[in-house]
Amino acid sequence: MEESNNMIEKLAGYNLMNDGSFINYLKQFNGYIAGSAALFPFISHLYPSCEEQEGDLDIWVQISTDKEDKSFPYSKDVRDTLCNYFSDNGYVNNPMIDRYSASPNAIQYFENTRFNNLIEKIYEFKSTHLNKKIQLILTKVSKEEILKSFDLSFCAVSWDGDNFFALEPELTKQKKGYYLNDPIGEREEKRKDKYLVKGFEITEYVDLW
């Protein structure tokens, strides 16, 4: 319960808790917040009052691009509903994030990430009055597959509006983890240093048991 309260406190800092609609949308679309934005509320016993405001707020939704496929939310419905909601709460869309669509540079970036063939599209929103960014990430695959594609095991944490899910819950609560996937490029190499500075232990999987 304390962990969810910390997540709600974080969302309030993004101006997303004015009327409760955001959590309702998250549940309606079977969406979830994942990555560092879910990690720090999950280990809130180490970061009281959600004092660690790490990174962007990444919202992930598995979608269908076929309106007749009722297995998953239709991509346009998710996009229109959440884009309008973010706009109503002081966010503007950043078109430069359209890196999973048709431009040659976008395709090159897409093909050189672990998320190749996992993501349909990303939309980024910047607050007009807060130093905050939100990414809406429409995926082709399940939450479990997305979490397994993260680089570090302790970042593979999600929150669905009610509950947290972590691939390695006990290790994560001890700030211990390992590489789920090898780092790709300089940016991910720097992530290791960032988490080491924050007191996380990163080691080989076999050394943790």
N, C-alpha and C. Protein backbone atom coordinates (compact mmCIF):
# COMPACT_ATOMS: atom_id res chain seq x y z
N MET A 1 0.83 -1.21 0.00
CA MET A 1 0.00 0.00 0.00
C MET A 1 0.86 1.25 0.00
N GLU A 2 1.94 1.23 0.81
CA GLU A 2 2.83 2.39 0.86
C GLU A 2 3.45 2.66 -0.51
N GLU A 3 3.81 1.58 -1.21
CA GLU A 3 4.42 1.73 -2.52
C GLU A 3 3.47 2.40 -3.51
N SER A 4 2.18 1.98 -3.51
CA SER A 4 1.21 2.59 -4.41
C SER A 4 0.96 4.05 -4.03
N ASN A 5 0.97 4.34 -2.75
CA ASN A 5 0.81 5.73 -2.32
C ASN A 5 1.95 6.59 -2.84
N ASN A 6 3.15 6.03 -2.86
CA ASN A 6 4.29 6.77 -3.39
C ASN A 6 4.16 6.96 -4.91
N MET A 7 3.62 5.98 -5.59
CA MET A 7 3.40 6.16 -7.02
C MET A 7 2.36 7.24 -7.28
N ILE A 8 1.29 7.25 -6.50
CA ILE A 8 0.27 8.28 -6.65
C ILE A 8 0.84 9.66 -6.36
N GLU A 9 1.73 9.72 -5.36
CA GLU A 9 2.40 10.99 -5.06
C GLU A 9 3.26 11.43 -6.25
N LYS A 10 3.95 10.48 -6.87
CA LYS A 10 4.75 10.80 -8.05
C LYS A 10 3.86 11.33 -9.17
N LEU A 11 2.73 10.66 -9.42
CA LEU A 11 1.82 11.08 -10.48
C LEU A 11 1.27 12.48 -10.21
N ALA A 12 1.02 12.77 -8.94
CA ALA A 12 0.55 14.11 -8.60
C ALA A 12 1.60 15.16 -8.98
N GLY A 13 2.88 14.80 -8.86
CA GLY A 13 3.94 15.70 -9.26
C GLY A 13 3.98 15.95 -10.76
N TYR A 14 3.35 15.05 -11.52
CA TYR A 14 3.22 15.22 -12.96
C TYR A 14 1.88 15.87 -13.34
N ASN A 15 1.13 16.30 -12.36
CA ASN A 15 -0.18 16.92 -12.57
C ASN A 15 -1.16 15.94 -13.21
N LEU A 16 -1.10 14.68 -12.80
CA LEU A 16 -1.95 13.65 -13.39
C LEU A 16 -2.96 13.07 -12.40
N MET A 17 -3.13 13.72 -11.26
CA MET A 17 -4.05 13.17 -10.26
C MET A 17 -5.14 14.16 -9.89
N ASN A 18 -5.48 15.04 -10.82
CA ASN A 18 -6.49 16.06 -10.51
C ASN A 18 -7.89 15.49 -10.33
N ASP A 19 -8.23 14.50 -11.15
CA ASP A 19 -9.60 13.97 -11.09
C ASP A 19 -9.68 12.45 -11.07
N GLY A 20 -8.53 11.78 -11.01
CA GLY A 20 -8.53 10.32 -10.99
C GLY A 20 -8.66 9.66 -12.34
N SER A 21 -8.81 10.46 -13.41
CA SER A 21 -9.02 9.88 -14.74
C SER A 21 -7.81 9.09 -15.23
N PHE A 22 -6.62 9.54 -14.89
CA PHE A 22 -5.44 8.88 -15.43
C PHE A 22 -5.38 7.42 -15.03
N ILE A 23 -5.60 7.12 -13.77
CA ILE A 23 -5.55 5.73 -13.32
C ILE A 23 -6.69 4.94 -13.97
N ASN A 24 -7.85 5.56 -14.14
CA ASN A 24 -8.95 4.88 -14.84
C ASN A 24 -8.56 4.53 -16.27
N TYR A 25 -7.89 5.45 -16.96
CA TYR A 25 -7.45 5.17 -18.33
C TYR A 25 -6.40 4.05 -18.34
N LEU A 26 -5.51 4.08 -17.35
CA LEU A 26 -4.48 3.05 -17.27
C LEU A 26 -5.13 1.67 -17.16
N LYS A 27 -6.15 1.57 -16.33
CA LYS A 27 -6.85 0.29 -16.15
C LYS A 27 -7.69 -0.06 -17.38
N GLN A 28 -8.34 0.94 -17.97
CA GLN A 28 -9.18 0.71 -19.15
C GLN A 28 -8.38 0.11 -20.30
N PHE A 29 -7.14 0.59 -20.47
CA PHE A 29 -6.32 0.14 -21.59
C PHE A 29 -5.32 -0.95 -21.18
N ASN A 30 -5.43 -1.46 -19.95
CA ASN A 30 -4.47 -2.46 -19.45
C ASN A 30 -3.04 -1.95 -19.59
N GLY A 31 -2.86 -0.67 -19.34
CA GLY A 31 -1.55 -0.05 -19.42
C GLY A 31 -0.78 -0.18 -18.12
N TYR A 32 0.45 0.26 -18.15
CA TYR A 32 1.29 0.20 -16.96
C TYR A 32 2.44 1.19 -17.08
N ILE A 33 2.91 1.63 -15.95
CA ILE A 33 4.11 2.45 -15.86
C ILE A 33 5.27 1.51 -15.57
N ALA A 34 6.36 1.64 -16.29
CA ALA A 34 7.48 0.72 -16.11
C ALA A 34 8.80 1.45 -16.17
N GLY A 35 9.83 0.77 -15.65
CA GLY A 35 11.17 1.35 -15.63
C GLY A 35 11.42 2.08 -14.33
N SER A 36 12.32 3.06 -14.38
CA SER A 36 12.73 3.74 -13.16
C SER A 36 11.59 4.48 -12.49
N ALA A 37 10.59 4.93 -13.27
CA ALA A 37 9.45 5.63 -12.68
C ALA A 37 8.65 4.72 -11.76
N ALA A 38 8.67 3.42 -12.02
CA ALA A 38 8.02 2.46 -11.12
C ALA A 38 8.99 1.91 -10.09
N LEU A 39 10.26 1.86 -10.45
CA LEU A 39 11.27 1.29 -9.54
C LEU A 39 11.32 2.01 -8.20
N PHE A 40 11.46 3.33 -8.23
CA PHE A 40 11.70 4.04 -6.97
C PHE A 40 10.49 4.04 -6.02
N PRO A 41 9.26 4.16 -6.50
CA PRO A 41 8.13 3.94 -5.59
C PRO A 41 8.09 2.52 -5.05
N PHE A 42 8.52 1.54 -5.86
CA PHE A 42 8.53 0.14 -5.42
C PHE A 42 9.51 -0.07 -4.26
N ILE A 43 10.60 0.67 -4.24
CA ILE A 43 11.57 0.56 -3.14
C ILE A 43 11.46 1.81 -2.26
N SER A 44 10.22 2.22 -2.02
CA SER A 44 9.98 3.47 -1.29
C SER A 44 10.50 3.41 0.14
N HIS A 45 10.73 2.21 0.68
CA HIS A 45 11.30 2.13 2.03
C HIS A 45 12.71 2.71 2.05
N LEU A 46 13.35 2.78 0.89
CA LEU A 46 14.68 3.38 0.80
C LEU A 46 14.63 4.83 0.34
N TYR A 47 13.48 5.24 -0.22
CA TYR A 47 13.30 6.60 -0.72
C TYR A 47 11.97 7.13 -0.21
N PRO A 48 11.90 7.51 1.07
CA PRO A 48 10.63 7.96 1.65
C PRO A 48 10.08 9.18 0.93
N SER A 49 8.73 9.23 0.88
CA SER A 49 8.00 10.35 0.26
C SER A 49 8.35 10.51 -1.21
N CYS A 50 8.77 9.41 -1.82
CA CYS A 50 9.07 9.41 -3.26
C CYS A 50 10.04 10.54 -3.62
N GLU A 51 11.04 10.76 -2.77
CA GLU A 51 11.97 11.86 -3.00
C GLU A 51 12.83 11.65 -4.24
N GLU A 52 12.96 10.41 -4.69
CA GLU A 52 13.75 10.14 -5.88
C GLU A 52 12.87 10.28 -7.11
N GLN A 53 13.02 11.38 -7.84
CA GLN A 53 12.22 11.64 -9.04
C GLN A 53 13.05 11.28 -10.26
N GLU A 54 13.13 10.02 -10.55
CA GLU A 54 14.04 9.52 -11.57
C GLU A 54 13.43 9.54 -12.96
N GLY A 55 14.08 10.23 -13.89
CA GLY A 55 13.78 10.10 -15.31
C GLY A 55 12.40 10.54 -15.74
N ASP A 56 11.99 10.06 -16.91
CA ASP A 56 10.68 10.36 -17.47
C ASP A 56 9.65 9.38 -16.92
N LEU A 57 8.39 9.72 -17.19
CA LEU A 57 7.29 8.82 -16.85
C LEU A 57 6.95 8.04 -18.13
N ASP A 58 7.25 6.75 -18.14
CA ASP A 58 7.01 5.92 -19.32
C ASP A 58 5.75 5.09 -19.11
N ILE A 59 4.78 5.29 -19.99
CA ILE A 59 3.50 4.59 -19.93
C ILE A 59 3.43 3.64 -21.12
N TRP A 60 3.25 2.36 -20.84
CA TRP A 60 3.29 1.33 -21.87
C TRP A 60 1.90 0.71 -22.02
N VAL A 61 1.48 0.50 -23.27
CA VAL A 61 0.18 -0.13 -23.54
C VAL A 61 0.34 -1.09 -24.71
N GLN A 62 -0.06 -2.34 -24.51
CA GLN A 62 -0.08 -3.28 -25.63
C GLN A 62 -1.33 -3.02 -26.44
N ILE A 63 -1.18 -2.79 -27.74
CA ILE A 63 -2.30 -2.34 -28.57
C ILE A 63 -2.50 -3.26 -29.78
N SER A 64 -3.63 -3.06 -30.43
CA SER A 64 -3.90 -3.66 -31.73
C SER A 64 -3.98 -2.54 -32.76
N THR A 65 -3.48 -2.78 -33.96
CA THR A 65 -3.61 -1.81 -35.04
C THR A 65 -4.80 -2.14 -35.94
N ASP A 66 -5.52 -3.18 -35.58
CA ASP A 66 -6.72 -3.58 -36.31
C ASP A 66 -7.94 -3.29 -35.44
N LYS A 67 -8.79 -2.40 -35.92
CA LYS A 67 -9.95 -1.99 -35.12
C LYS A 67 -10.88 -3.15 -34.81
N GLU A 68 -10.87 -4.18 -35.65
CA GLU A 68 -11.76 -5.33 -35.45
C GLU A 68 -11.20 -6.31 -34.42
N ASP A 69 -9.93 -6.18 -34.10
CA ASP A 69 -9.30 -7.07 -33.12
C ASP A 69 -9.59 -6.54 -31.72
N LYS A 70 -10.44 -7.22 -31.01
CA LYS A 70 -10.87 -6.76 -29.68
C LYS A 70 -9.99 -7.33 -28.56
N SER A 71 -8.92 -8.04 -28.93
CA SER A 71 -8.06 -8.64 -27.92
C SER A 71 -7.31 -7.58 -27.11
N PHE A 72 -6.99 -6.46 -27.78
CA PHE A 72 -6.23 -5.39 -27.14
C PHE A 72 -6.84 -4.06 -27.53
N PRO A 73 -6.56 -3.02 -26.77
CA PRO A 73 -7.09 -1.70 -27.13
C PRO A 73 -6.61 -1.27 -28.51
N TYR A 74 -7.48 -0.61 -29.25
CA TYR A 74 -7.14 -0.14 -30.58
C TYR A 74 -6.19 1.05 -30.46
N SER A 75 -5.13 1.05 -31.23
CA SER A 75 -4.06 2.04 -31.08
C SER A 75 -4.57 3.47 -31.16
N LYS A 76 -5.47 3.76 -32.10
CA LYS A 76 -5.97 5.14 -32.25
C LYS A 76 -6.77 5.57 -31.04
N ASP A 77 -7.54 4.65 -30.44
CA ASP A 77 -8.31 5.00 -29.25
C ASP A 77 -7.38 5.37 -28.09
N VAL A 78 -6.33 4.56 -27.91
CA VAL A 78 -5.37 4.84 -26.84
C VAL A 78 -4.68 6.18 -27.08
N ARG A 79 -4.19 6.36 -28.31
CA ARG A 79 -3.48 7.59 -28.65
C ARG A 79 -4.35 8.81 -28.44
N ASP A 80 -5.56 8.80 -29.01
CA ASP A 80 -6.42 9.99 -28.93
C ASP A 80 -6.83 10.30 -27.50
N THR A 81 -7.20 9.26 -26.76
CA THR A 81 -7.66 9.47 -25.38
C THR A 81 -6.55 10.05 -24.51
N LEU A 82 -5.37 9.43 -24.55
CA LEU A 82 -4.30 9.87 -23.66
C LEU A 82 -3.65 11.16 -24.15
N CYS A 83 -3.53 11.33 -25.46
CA CYS A 83 -2.98 12.60 -25.96
C CYS A 83 -3.87 13.77 -25.54
N ASN A 84 -5.17 13.59 -25.65
CA ASN A 84 -6.09 14.66 -25.24
C ASN A 84 -6.00 14.90 -23.74
N TYR A 85 -5.88 13.81 -22.98
CA TYR A 85 -5.80 13.95 -21.53
C TYR A 85 -4.52 14.70 -21.13
N PHE A 86 -3.39 14.35 -21.72
CA PHE A 86 -2.15 15.04 -21.39
C PHE A 86 -2.22 16.50 -21.81
N SER A 87 -2.82 16.77 -22.96
CA SER A 87 -2.98 18.15 -23.41
C SER A 87 -3.82 18.96 -22.41
N ASP A 88 -4.89 18.36 -21.92
CA ASP A 88 -5.77 19.04 -20.95
C ASP A 88 -5.05 19.31 -19.64
N ASN A 89 -3.97 18.57 -19.37
CA ASN A 89 -3.24 18.72 -18.11
C ASN A 89 -1.89 19.39 -18.29
N GLY A 90 -1.77 20.17 -19.37
CA GLY A 90 -0.61 21.05 -19.50
C GLY A 90 0.58 20.47 -20.22
N TYR A 91 0.37 19.47 -21.08
CA TYR A 91 1.48 18.86 -21.82
C TYR A 91 1.32 19.12 -23.31
N VAL A 92 2.44 19.29 -23.99
CA VAL A 92 2.43 19.44 -25.44
C VAL A 92 3.21 18.29 -26.05
N ASN A 93 2.74 17.84 -27.21
CA ASN A 93 3.39 16.73 -27.90
C ASN A 93 4.68 17.19 -28.56
N ASN A 94 5.72 16.38 -28.40
CA ASN A 94 7.01 16.65 -29.03
C ASN A 94 7.13 15.75 -30.25
N PRO A 95 6.95 16.30 -31.47
CA PRO A 95 6.95 15.44 -32.66
C PRO A 95 8.30 14.80 -32.96
N MET A 96 9.37 15.32 -32.35
CA MET A 96 10.70 14.79 -32.63
C MET A 96 10.89 13.37 -32.11
N ILE A 97 9.98 12.91 -31.26
CA ILE A 97 10.15 11.58 -30.68
C ILE A 97 9.62 10.48 -31.62
N ASP A 98 9.09 10.87 -32.78
CA ASP A 98 8.46 9.92 -33.69
C ASP A 98 9.50 9.00 -34.32
N ARG A 99 10.29 8.33 -33.52
CA ARG A 99 11.44 7.62 -34.03
C ARG A 99 11.14 6.17 -34.40
N TYR A 100 9.93 5.73 -34.14
CA TYR A 100 9.57 4.36 -34.52
C TYR A 100 8.63 4.35 -35.71
N SER A 101 8.64 5.46 -36.49
CA SER A 101 7.76 5.51 -37.65
C SER A 101 8.56 5.55 -38.94
N ALA A 102 8.17 6.39 -39.90
CA ALA A 102 8.58 6.17 -41.28
C ALA A 102 9.92 6.75 -41.72
N SER A 103 10.56 7.63 -40.97
CA SER A 103 11.77 8.25 -41.47
C SER A 103 12.94 7.26 -41.44
N PRO A 104 13.90 7.40 -42.37
CA PRO A 104 15.06 6.48 -42.41
C PRO A 104 15.83 6.45 -41.09
N ASN A 105 16.03 7.62 -40.47
CA ASN A 105 16.76 7.66 -39.20
C ASN A 105 16.00 6.91 -38.11
N ALA A 106 14.70 7.04 -38.13
CA ALA A 106 13.88 6.34 -37.14
C ALA A 106 14.02 4.83 -37.30
N ILE A 107 13.97 4.36 -38.53
CA ILE A 107 14.08 2.93 -38.78
C ILE A 107 15.45 2.41 -38.34
N GLN A 108 16.48 3.19 -38.60
CA GLN A 108 17.83 2.78 -38.19
C GLN A 108 17.92 2.68 -36.67
N TYR A 109 17.37 3.67 -35.98
CA TYR A 109 17.38 3.64 -34.51
C TYR A 109 16.61 2.43 -34.01
N PHE A 110 15.45 2.21 -34.60
CA PHE A 110 14.58 1.12 -34.19
C PHE A 110 15.29 -0.23 -34.33
N GLU A 111 16.01 -0.41 -35.42
CA GLU A 111 16.64 -1.70 -35.67
C GLU A 111 17.86 -1.94 -34.80
N ASN A 112 18.33 -0.92 -34.10
CA ASN A 112 19.52 -1.07 -33.27
C ASN A 112 19.21 -1.02 -31.78
N THR A 113 18.02 -1.41 -31.41
CA THR A 113 17.66 -1.44 -30.00
C THR A 113 17.14 -2.83 -29.64
N ARG A 114 17.12 -3.12 -28.34
CA ARG A 114 16.55 -4.39 -27.88
C ARG A 114 15.06 -4.46 -28.15
N PHE A 115 14.43 -3.30 -28.33
CA PHE A 115 12.98 -3.27 -28.50
C PHE A 115 12.55 -3.43 -29.95
N ASN A 116 13.50 -3.84 -30.81
CA ASN A 116 13.17 -4.10 -32.20
C ASN A 116 11.98 -5.07 -32.29
N ASN A 117 10.98 -4.68 -33.07
CA ASN A 117 9.77 -5.48 -33.29
C ASN A 117 8.86 -5.57 -32.07
N LEU A 118 9.18 -4.83 -31.01
CA LEU A 118 8.34 -4.87 -29.81
C LEU A 118 7.46 -3.64 -29.69
N ILE A 119 7.87 -2.54 -30.30
CA ILE A 119 7.19 -1.26 -30.13
C ILE A 119 6.57 -0.81 -31.45
N GLU A 120 5.33 -0.36 -31.38
CA GLU A 120 4.64 0.19 -32.55
C GLU A 120 4.96 1.67 -32.73
N LYS A 121 4.87 2.45 -31.64
CA LYS A 121 5.12 3.88 -31.75
C LYS A 121 5.31 4.48 -30.36
N ILE A 122 6.05 5.60 -30.32
CA ILE A 122 6.26 6.35 -29.09
C ILE A 122 5.81 7.78 -29.31
N TYR A 123 5.08 8.30 -28.32
CA TYR A 123 4.73 9.71 -28.31
C TYR A 123 5.35 10.34 -27.05
N GLU A 124 5.93 11.50 -27.20
CA GLU A 124 6.53 12.18 -26.05
C GLU A 124 5.80 13.50 -25.81
N PHE A 125 5.63 13.80 -24.53
CA PHE A 125 4.94 15.01 -24.12
C PHE A 125 5.79 15.75 -23.10
N LYS A 126 5.86 17.07 -23.25
CA LYS A 126 6.59 17.91 -22.32
C LYS A 126 5.62 18.87 -21.64
N SER A 127 5.79 19.03 -20.34
CA SER A 127 4.94 19.95 -19.61
C SER A 127 5.27 21.39 -19.98
N THR A 128 4.25 22.21 -20.06
CA THR A 128 4.46 23.61 -20.37
C THR A 128 4.90 24.42 -19.15
N HIS A 129 4.75 23.84 -17.96
CA HIS A 129 5.09 24.61 -16.75
C HIS A 129 5.85 23.80 -15.70
N LEU A 130 6.04 22.51 -15.94
CA LEU A 130 6.82 21.68 -15.03
C LEU A 130 8.01 21.11 -15.80
N ASN A 131 9.06 20.78 -15.09
CA ASN A 131 10.20 20.13 -15.72
C ASN A 131 9.95 18.62 -15.77
N LYS A 132 8.95 18.24 -16.58
CA LYS A 132 8.51 16.85 -16.63
C LYS A 132 8.31 16.42 -18.08
N LYS A 133 8.57 15.14 -18.33
CA LYS A 133 8.29 14.54 -19.63
C LYS A 133 7.55 13.22 -19.43
N ILE A 134 6.65 12.94 -20.36
CA ILE A 134 5.91 11.68 -20.38
C ILE A 134 6.11 11.03 -21.73
N GLN A 135 6.32 9.73 -21.73
CA GLN A 135 6.34 8.97 -22.97
C GLN A 135 5.21 7.96 -22.97
N LEU A 136 4.41 7.99 -24.02
CA LEU A 136 3.38 6.98 -24.23
C LEU A 136 3.94 6.01 -25.26
N ILE A 137 4.10 4.75 -24.86
CA ILE A 137 4.76 3.74 -25.68
C ILE A 137 3.75 2.65 -26.01
N LEU A 138 3.40 2.55 -27.28
CA LEU A 138 2.44 1.55 -27.74
C LEU A 138 3.22 0.32 -28.20
N THR A 139 2.93 -0.81 -27.61
CA THR A 139 3.74 -2.00 -27.85
C THR A 139 2.95 -3.07 -28.60
N LYS A 140 3.71 -3.97 -29.21
CA LYS A 140 3.13 -5.11 -29.93
C LYS A 140 3.09 -6.37 -29.08
N VAL A 141 3.69 -6.31 -27.90
CA VAL A 141 3.87 -7.53 -27.10
C VAL A 141 3.45 -7.29 -25.65
N SER A 142 3.46 -8.34 -24.87
CA SER A 142 2.98 -8.30 -23.50
C SER A 142 3.94 -7.55 -22.57
N LYS A 143 3.41 -7.23 -21.42
CA LYS A 143 4.23 -6.57 -20.40
C LYS A 143 5.44 -7.42 -20.02
N GLU A 144 5.24 -8.71 -19.85
CA GLU A 144 6.34 -9.58 -19.45
C GLU A 144 7.48 -9.54 -20.47
N GLU A 145 7.11 -9.53 -21.75
CA GLU A 145 8.15 -9.49 -22.78
C GLU A 145 8.87 -8.14 -22.78
N ILE A 146 8.14 -7.08 -22.54
CA ILE A 146 8.77 -5.75 -22.45
C ILE A 146 9.74 -5.71 -21.28
N LEU A 147 9.30 -6.17 -20.11
CA LEU A 147 10.17 -6.11 -18.93
C LEU A 147 11.43 -6.95 -19.13
N LYS A 148 11.30 -8.08 -19.79
CA LYS A 148 12.47 -8.92 -20.04
C LYS A 148 13.43 -8.29 -21.04
N SER A 149 12.99 -7.23 -21.71
CA SER A 149 13.85 -6.56 -22.68
C SER A 149 14.62 -5.38 -22.07
N PHE A 150 14.36 -5.06 -20.81
CA PHE A 150 15.12 -4.01 -20.14
C PHE A 150 16.57 -4.45 -19.97
N ASP A 151 17.44 -3.48 -19.75
CA ASP A 151 18.86 -3.82 -19.57
C ASP A 151 19.14 -4.38 -18.19
N LEU A 152 18.68 -3.70 -17.14
CA LEU A 152 19.00 -4.08 -15.76
C LEU A 152 17.78 -4.68 -15.06
N SER A 153 18.00 -5.74 -14.31
CA SER A 153 16.88 -6.47 -13.72
C SER A 153 16.07 -5.62 -12.75
N PHE A 154 16.73 -4.71 -12.02
CA PHE A 154 15.96 -3.91 -11.06
C PHE A 154 15.15 -2.81 -11.72
N CYS A 155 15.37 -2.57 -13.01
CA CYS A 155 14.51 -1.63 -13.75
C CYS A 155 13.27 -2.31 -14.32
N ALA A 156 13.23 -3.63 -14.27
CA ALA A 156 12.10 -4.39 -14.80
C ALA A 156 10.98 -4.44 -13.77
N VAL A 157 10.41 -3.27 -13.49
CA VAL A 157 9.34 -3.10 -12.51
C VAL A 157 8.21 -2.34 -13.19
N SER A 158 6.97 -2.73 -12.89
CA SER A 158 5.82 -2.04 -13.47
C SER A 158 4.74 -1.82 -12.41
N TRP A 159 3.85 -0.88 -12.72
CA TRP A 159 2.69 -0.59 -11.86
C TRP A 159 1.49 -0.38 -12.78
N ASP A 160 0.37 -1.07 -12.51
CA ASP A 160 -0.77 -1.06 -13.42
C ASP A 160 -1.95 -0.23 -12.94
N GLY A 161 -1.73 0.59 -11.93
CA GLY A 161 -2.82 1.37 -11.36
C GLY A 161 -3.28 0.81 -10.04
N ASP A 162 -2.97 -0.46 -9.78
CA ASP A 162 -3.28 -1.12 -8.50
C ASP A 162 -2.05 -1.76 -7.88
N ASN A 163 -1.32 -2.54 -8.69
CA ASN A 163 -0.27 -3.38 -8.15
C ASN A 163 1.05 -3.21 -8.89
N PHE A 164 2.12 -3.50 -8.15
CA PHE A 164 3.45 -3.55 -8.74
C PHE A 164 3.75 -4.98 -9.18
N PHE A 165 4.54 -5.08 -10.23
CA PHE A 165 5.07 -6.37 -10.67
C PHE A 165 6.54 -6.16 -10.99
N ALA A 166 7.40 -7.05 -10.45
CA ALA A 166 8.83 -6.97 -10.72
C ALA A 166 9.34 -8.35 -11.09
N LEU A 167 10.26 -8.39 -12.05
CA LEU A 167 10.83 -9.68 -12.41
C LEU A 167 11.64 -10.27 -11.27
N GLU A 168 12.31 -9.41 -10.51
CA GLU A 168 13.13 -9.87 -9.37
C GLU A 168 12.77 -9.04 -8.14
N PRO A 169 11.60 -9.26 -7.55
CA PRO A 169 11.14 -8.38 -6.48
C PRO A 169 12.05 -8.34 -5.25
N GLU A 170 12.53 -9.49 -4.80
CA GLU A 170 13.33 -9.49 -3.57
C GLU A 170 14.69 -8.85 -3.80
N LEU A 171 15.33 -9.19 -4.89
CA LEU A 171 16.63 -8.57 -5.19
C LEU A 171 16.48 -7.07 -5.38
N THR A 172 15.41 -6.67 -6.08
CA THR A 172 15.20 -5.24 -6.36
C THR A 172 15.03 -4.47 -5.06
N LYS A 173 14.32 -5.04 -4.10
CA LYS A 173 14.12 -4.35 -2.83
C LYS A 173 15.40 -4.26 -2.01
N GLN A 174 16.41 -5.04 -2.40
CA GLN A 174 17.73 -4.94 -1.77
C GLN A 174 18.70 -4.09 -2.60
N LYS A 175 18.17 -3.49 -3.68
CA LYS A 175 18.98 -2.69 -4.61
C LYS A 175 20.09 -3.53 -5.23
N LYS A 176 19.76 -4.78 -5.53
CA LYS A 176 20.70 -5.67 -6.20
C LYS A 176 20.12 -6.10 -7.54
N GLY A 177 21.00 -6.34 -8.52
CA GLY A 177 20.50 -6.78 -9.80
C GLY A 177 21.61 -7.21 -10.73
N TYR A 178 21.22 -7.50 -11.95
CA TYR A 178 22.14 -8.01 -12.96
C TYR A 178 21.63 -7.56 -14.33
N TYR A 179 22.46 -7.75 -15.34
CA TYR A 179 22.05 -7.41 -16.69
C TYR A 179 21.11 -8.48 -17.24
N LEU A 180 19.88 -8.07 -17.54
CA LEU A 180 18.98 -8.95 -18.28
C LEU A 180 19.44 -9.06 -19.73
N ASN A 181 19.95 -7.95 -20.23
CA ASN A 181 20.46 -7.88 -21.60
C ASN A 181 21.70 -6.99 -21.59
N ASP A 182 22.66 -7.31 -22.40
CA ASP A 182 23.89 -6.53 -22.44
C ASP A 182 23.60 -5.10 -22.87
N PRO A 183 24.32 -4.13 -22.29
CA PRO A 183 24.10 -2.73 -22.67
C PRO A 183 24.42 -2.50 -24.14
N ILE A 184 23.63 -1.61 -24.75
CA ILE A 184 23.81 -1.26 -26.15
C ILE A 184 24.21 0.21 -26.22
N GLY A 185 25.43 0.48 -26.61
CA GLY A 185 25.85 1.86 -26.82
C GLY A 185 26.26 2.58 -25.55
N GLU A 186 26.76 3.79 -25.75
CA GLU A 186 27.32 4.59 -24.66
C GLU A 186 26.27 5.00 -23.64
N ARG A 187 25.07 5.29 -24.11
CA ARG A 187 24.02 5.74 -23.20
C ARG A 187 23.73 4.70 -22.12
N GLU A 188 23.65 3.44 -22.52
CA GLU A 188 23.35 2.40 -21.54
C GLU A 188 24.56 2.08 -20.67
N GLU A 189 25.75 2.27 -21.18
CA GLU A 189 26.94 2.11 -20.34
C GLU A 189 26.90 3.14 -19.21
N LYS A 190 26.46 4.37 -19.53
CA LYS A 190 26.38 5.42 -18.51
C LYS A 190 25.30 5.11 -17.48
N ARG A 191 24.25 4.39 -17.89
CA ARG A 191 23.20 4.03 -16.94
C ARG A 191 23.76 3.19 -15.80
N LYS A 192 24.70 2.32 -16.11
CA LYS A 192 25.31 1.51 -15.06
C LYS A 192 25.95 2.40 -14.01
N ASP A 193 26.72 3.37 -14.43
CA ASP A 193 27.38 4.28 -13.47
C ASP A 193 26.35 5.05 -12.66
N LYS A 194 25.27 5.47 -13.31
CA LYS A 194 24.23 6.23 -12.61
C LYS A 194 23.63 5.42 -11.47
N TYR A 195 23.35 4.15 -11.72
CA TYR A 195 22.75 3.33 -10.67
C TYR A 195 23.76 2.92 -9.61
N LEU A 196 25.01 2.75 -9.98
CA LEU A 196 26.04 2.47 -8.98
C LEU A 196 26.17 3.64 -8.01
N VAL A 197 26.12 4.86 -8.53
CA VAL A 197 26.18 6.05 -7.68
C VAL A 197 25.00 6.09 -6.71
N LYS A 198 23.85 5.58 -7.16
CA LYS A 198 22.66 5.57 -6.31
C LYS A 198 22.66 4.40 -5.32
N GLY A 199 23.73 3.62 -5.30
CA GLY A 199 23.85 2.56 -4.31
C GLY A 199 23.37 1.20 -4.75
N PHE A 200 23.10 1.00 -6.04
CA PHE A 200 22.69 -0.31 -6.53
C PHE A 200 23.92 -1.20 -6.74
N GLU A 201 23.72 -2.48 -6.56
CA GLU A 201 24.77 -3.47 -6.80
C GLU A 201 24.43 -4.23 -8.07
N ILE A 202 25.35 -4.21 -9.03
CA ILE A 202 25.14 -4.90 -10.30
C ILE A 202 26.21 -5.98 -10.42
N THR A 203 25.78 -7.21 -10.55
CA THR A 203 26.74 -8.31 -10.59
C THR A 203 26.23 -9.40 -11.52
N GLU A 204 26.96 -10.49 -11.61
CA GLU A 204 26.51 -11.62 -12.42
C GLU A 204 25.33 -12.30 -11.75
N TYR A 205 24.44 -12.80 -12.56
CA TYR A 205 23.23 -13.45 -12.04
C TYR A 205 23.58 -14.56 -11.04
N VAL A 206 24.55 -15.39 -11.37
CA VAL A 206 24.89 -16.54 -10.54
C VAL A 206 25.48 -16.12 -9.20
N ASP A 207 26.02 -14.91 -9.12
CA ASP A 207 26.66 -14.47 -7.87
C ASP A 207 25.66 -13.95 -6.85
N LEU A 208 24.38 -13.87 -7.24
CA LEU A 208 23.37 -13.29 -6.36
C LEU A 208 22.65 -14.34 -5.53
N TRP A 209 22.95 -15.59 -5.74
CA TRP A 209 22.19 -16.65 -5.05
C TRP A 209 23.13 -17.54 -4.23
